[in-house]
Amino acid sequence: MTRATPRATPGNGATRSPAAVAGALKIAVVGGFGAGRSTMVRSVSEIRPLHTEEVMSTHTLVDDARARVPAKTATTVALDFGRITIDEHRVLYLFGTPGQERFRFLWDRLLAGTTGAVVLVDTRAVADAWYATDRLHRCGTPFIVAVNDFGGPFRSADELRDTLALAPGVPLVEFDARDHSSSKFVLIALMDHLRALGLGDGP
């Protein structure tokens, strides 16, 4: 499993218009409840991200999820949206899906036109990401899996691949969703994967 480390890329895109970049791509950030989708979009976006979060009711979480994320008081009810320039050829528009099962009806619209996806995994609840990987398989959407570092139990790459039924060609990386450079590394890994599949723009 690859560990996310800072990687230099040309330019930060702060003064570039998206219209001037040929490789503007729609990327989905998906995963189970509390896996870090909103945190990743917030940490990596070069614009002020859009979040549609609401305060959770006392009935929102089942007991195991409440114990795993006791400090979590809000949840995404529609989407998270952000933008990041990877390099002079590629600008990514990030769409984070809601994690709760009752909001999964929104996934069809959010995944429409998606070029690729990042599936976030919390090692404390690996199976929570299974729905996302299965849904992306069914949609034919290329994706990578990113293990968010919550300080949870160690899971080997083989264990993660087996639990999520990942094909050998699906990249698996580790990262910290709170860190800009680490989150950007994940997106670069996705772009490299798409390019290997003949789908990514740029050289």
Protein backbone atom coordinates (compact mmCIF):
# COMPACT_ATOMS: atom_id res chain seq x y z
CA MET A 1 0.00 0.00 0.00
CA THR A 2 1.42 3.37 -1.04
CA ARG A 3 1.80 6.06 1.62
CA ALA A 4 0.75 9.58 0.61
CA THR A 5 3.62 12.05 0.79
CA PRO A 6 3.89 15.64 -0.48
CA ARG A 7 4.74 15.86 -4.16
CA ALA A 8 5.68 19.00 -6.03
CA THR A 9 3.49 19.92 -9.00
CA PRO A 10 3.79 22.89 -11.34
CA GLY A 11 1.71 25.86 -10.27
CA ASN A 12 -1.22 26.13 -7.90
CA GLY A 13 -3.76 27.30 -10.48
CA ALA A 14 -4.84 30.27 -8.40
CA THR A 15 -4.95 32.62 -11.39
CA ARG A 16 -6.08 30.17 -14.04
CA SER A 17 -9.62 30.10 -15.31
CA PRO A 18 -11.18 26.62 -15.58
CA ALA A 19 -12.20 27.49 -19.14
CA ALA A 20 -8.54 27.86 -20.03
CA VAL A 21 -7.75 24.31 -18.95
CA ALA A 22 -8.56 21.57 -21.43
CA GLY A 23 -8.51 18.79 -18.81
CA ALA A 24 -11.40 19.84 -16.55
CA LEU A 25 -12.64 16.60 -14.98
CA LYS A 26 -15.46 15.65 -12.62
CA ILE A 27 -14.22 13.52 -9.72
CA ALA A 28 -16.38 11.85 -7.07
CA VAL A 29 -15.23 11.40 -3.47
CA VAL A 30 -17.23 8.56 -1.94
CA GLY A 31 -17.18 6.21 1.04
CA GLY A 32 -18.98 5.20 4.20
CA PHE A 33 -20.30 7.42 6.97
CA GLY A 34 -17.58 9.48 8.67
CA ALA A 35 -14.83 8.29 6.31
CA GLY A 36 -13.61 11.86 5.70
CA ARG A 37 -15.16 13.00 2.42
CA SER A 38 -16.01 16.51 3.62
CA THR A 39 -12.64 16.80 5.35
CA MET A 40 -10.75 15.83 2.20
CA VAL A 41 -12.67 18.24 -0.03
CA ARG A 42 -12.18 21.02 2.53
CA SER A 43 -8.44 20.39 2.90
CA VAL A 44 -7.59 20.17 -0.80
CA SER A 45 -9.92 22.67 -2.50
CA GLU A 46 -8.34 25.87 -3.83
CA ILE A 47 -11.71 27.63 -3.61
CA ARG A 48 -13.98 27.92 -0.63
CA PRO A 49 -15.75 24.55 -0.73
CA LEU A 50 -19.50 24.14 -0.73
CA HIS A 51 -20.85 21.90 2.03
CA THR A 52 -24.47 20.88 2.58
CA GLU A 53 -24.25 19.74 6.18
CA GLU A 54 -26.98 19.54 8.80
CA VAL A 55 -26.87 18.85 12.51
CA MET A 56 -27.46 15.16 13.13
CA SER A 57 -30.45 14.01 15.10
CA THR A 58 -30.09 11.54 17.95
CA HIS A 59 -31.44 8.83 15.65
CA THR A 60 -29.00 9.43 12.80
CA LEU A 61 -26.34 6.98 13.89
CA VAL A 62 -26.54 3.36 14.85
CA ASP A 63 -24.64 2.50 18.03
CA ASP A 64 -21.39 1.30 16.41
CA ALA A 65 -21.11 4.40 14.21
CA ARG A 66 -21.88 6.68 17.16
CA ALA A 67 -19.09 5.04 19.16
CA ARG A 68 -16.65 5.35 16.25
CA VAL A 69 -17.26 9.07 15.61
CA PRO A 70 -18.51 10.48 18.94
CA ALA A 71 -17.39 14.05 18.12
CA LYS A 72 -19.23 14.18 14.80
CA THR A 73 -22.24 16.50 15.08
CA ALA A 74 -23.04 17.26 11.40
CA THR A 75 -23.50 15.15 8.31
CA THR A 76 -23.57 15.80 4.55
CA VAL A 77 -27.13 15.68 3.24
CA ALA A 78 -26.54 16.49 -0.44
CA LEU A 79 -22.96 17.03 -1.55
CA ASP A 80 -19.58 18.60 -0.95
CA PHE A 81 -18.06 20.56 -3.82
CA GLY A 82 -14.54 21.84 -4.38
CA ARG A 83 -11.96 22.49 -7.09
CA ILE A 84 -8.23 21.90 -7.39
CA THR A 85 -5.71 22.45 -10.17
CA ILE A 86 -3.40 19.45 -10.42
CA ASP A 87 -1.13 20.94 -13.09
CA GLU A 88 -1.31 23.10 -16.22
CA HIS A 89 -3.32 20.42 -17.98
CA ARG A 90 -5.81 19.23 -15.36
CA VAL A 91 -8.40 20.91 -13.14
CA LEU A 92 -10.56 18.67 -11.00
CA TYR A 93 -14.08 19.42 -9.82
CA LEU A 94 -14.69 17.41 -6.67
CA PHE A 95 -18.12 16.11 -5.69
CA GLY A 96 -18.39 14.43 -2.30
CA THR A 97 -21.38 12.14 -1.87
CA PRO A 98 -23.43 11.87 1.33
CA GLY A 99 -22.41 8.92 3.48
CA GLN A 100 -25.69 7.99 5.13
CA GLU A 101 -27.74 5.24 3.52
CA ARG A 102 -30.93 7.33 3.49
CA PHE A 103 -29.30 9.85 1.11
CA ARG A 104 -28.01 7.31 -1.42
CA PHE A 105 -30.78 8.24 -3.86
CA LEU A 106 -28.64 11.31 -4.65
CA TRP A 107 -25.71 9.23 -5.86
CA ASP A 108 -27.11 8.69 -9.38
CA ARG A 109 -27.07 12.40 -10.12
CA LEU A 110 -23.75 13.06 -8.41
CA LEU A 111 -22.02 10.21 -10.25
CA ALA A 112 -23.41 11.15 -13.68
CA GLY A 113 -20.60 12.30 -15.96
CA THR A 114 -17.92 11.35 -13.43
CA THR A 115 -14.50 10.60 -14.94
CA GLY A 116 -13.14 8.82 -11.87
CA ALA A 117 -13.61 8.42 -8.15
CA VAL A 118 -11.79 8.15 -4.84
CA VAL A 119 -13.24 5.67 -2.34
CA LEU A 120 -12.35 6.61 1.24
CA VAL A 121 -11.87 3.82 3.76
CA ASP A 122 -11.85 4.00 7.56
CA THR A 123 -9.98 0.94 8.89
CA ARG A 124 -12.36 0.89 11.86
CA ALA A 125 -15.23 0.10 9.49
CA VAL A 126 -13.79 -1.19 6.21
CA ALA A 127 -17.02 -2.87 5.10
CA ASP A 128 -18.77 0.53 5.08
CA ALA A 129 -16.94 1.29 1.81
CA TRP A 130 -18.23 -1.83 0.09
CA TYR A 131 -21.39 -0.14 -1.19
CA ALA A 132 -19.29 2.56 -2.87
CA THR A 133 -16.90 0.14 -4.59
CA ASP A 134 -19.78 -2.06 -5.74
CA ARG A 135 -21.72 0.94 -7.06
CA LEU A 136 -18.71 2.22 -9.00
CA HIS A 137 -18.09 -1.24 -10.44
CA ARG A 138 -21.68 -1.37 -11.65
CA CYS A 139 -21.42 2.12 -13.17
CA GLY A 140 -18.11 1.29 -14.85
CA THR A 141 -16.46 4.25 -13.12
CA PRO A 142 -12.68 3.87 -12.58
CA PHE A 143 -11.59 4.47 -8.99
CA ILE A 144 -8.80 4.18 -6.48
CA VAL A 145 -9.10 3.37 -2.78
CA ALA A 146 -7.63 5.75 -0.18
CA VAL A 147 -7.28 4.62 3.43
CA ASN A 148 -7.82 7.60 5.73
CA ASP A 149 -5.52 7.63 8.74
CA PHE A 150 -7.75 7.81 11.82
CA GLY A 151 -5.27 5.91 13.98
CA GLY A 152 -7.50 2.85 13.76
CA PRO A 153 -6.47 -0.80 13.64
CA PHE A 154 -3.86 -1.83 11.10
CA ARG A 155 -5.26 -3.55 8.02
CA SER A 156 -2.93 -5.12 5.51
CA ALA A 157 -3.33 -4.33 1.83
CA ASP A 158 -4.35 -7.95 1.20
CA GLU A 159 -7.03 -7.77 3.91
CA LEU A 160 -8.43 -4.53 2.52
CA ARG A 161 -8.46 -5.86 -1.03
CA ASP A 162 -10.18 -9.04 0.07
CA THR A 163 -12.85 -7.27 2.16
CA LEU A 164 -13.67 -4.83 -0.66
CA ALA A 165 -13.23 -7.41 -3.45
CA LEU A 166 -10.81 -5.09 -5.26
CA ALA A 167 -9.43 -6.06 -8.64
CA PRO A 168 -5.61 -6.30 -8.75
CA GLY A 169 -5.38 -3.17 -10.91
CA VAL A 170 -7.19 -0.88 -8.47
CA PRO A 171 -4.60 1.34 -6.68
CA LEU A 172 -4.65 1.37 -2.88
CA VAL A 173 -3.02 4.27 -1.01
CA GLU A 174 -2.86 5.62 2.54
CA PHE A 175 -3.36 9.30 3.38
CA ASP A 176 -4.54 11.87 5.91
CA ALA A 177 -7.69 13.69 4.75
CA ARG A 178 -6.85 16.67 6.96
CA ASP A 179 -3.61 17.39 5.11
CA HIS A 180 -3.63 19.32 1.82
CA SER A 181 -0.52 17.71 0.36
CA SER A 182 -1.62 14.21 1.36
CA SER A 183 -5.08 14.68 -0.17
CA LYS A 184 -3.56 16.13 -3.33
CA PHE A 185 -1.31 13.07 -3.60
CA VAL A 186 -4.44 10.90 -3.66
CA LEU A 187 -5.90 12.91 -6.52
CA ILE A 188 -2.63 12.69 -8.45
CA ALA A 189 -2.69 8.92 -7.91
CA LEU A 190 -6.20 8.84 -9.38
CA MET A 191 -5.07 10.90 -12.37
CA ASP A 192 -2.16 8.53 -12.94
CA HIS A 193 -4.59 5.60 -12.80
CA LEU A 194 -6.97 7.24 -15.28
CA ARG A 195 -4.11 8.05 -17.61
CA ALA A 196 -2.94 4.42 -17.46
CA LEU A 197 -6.45 3.45 -18.52
CA GLY A 198 -6.33 5.96 -21.37
CA LEU A 199 -8.86 8.26 -19.72
CA GLY A 200 -6.80 11.03 -18.11
CA ASP A 201 -5.94 14.24 -19.89
CA GLY A 202 -2.46 15.68 -20.10
CA PRO A 203 0.94 14.19 -20.91
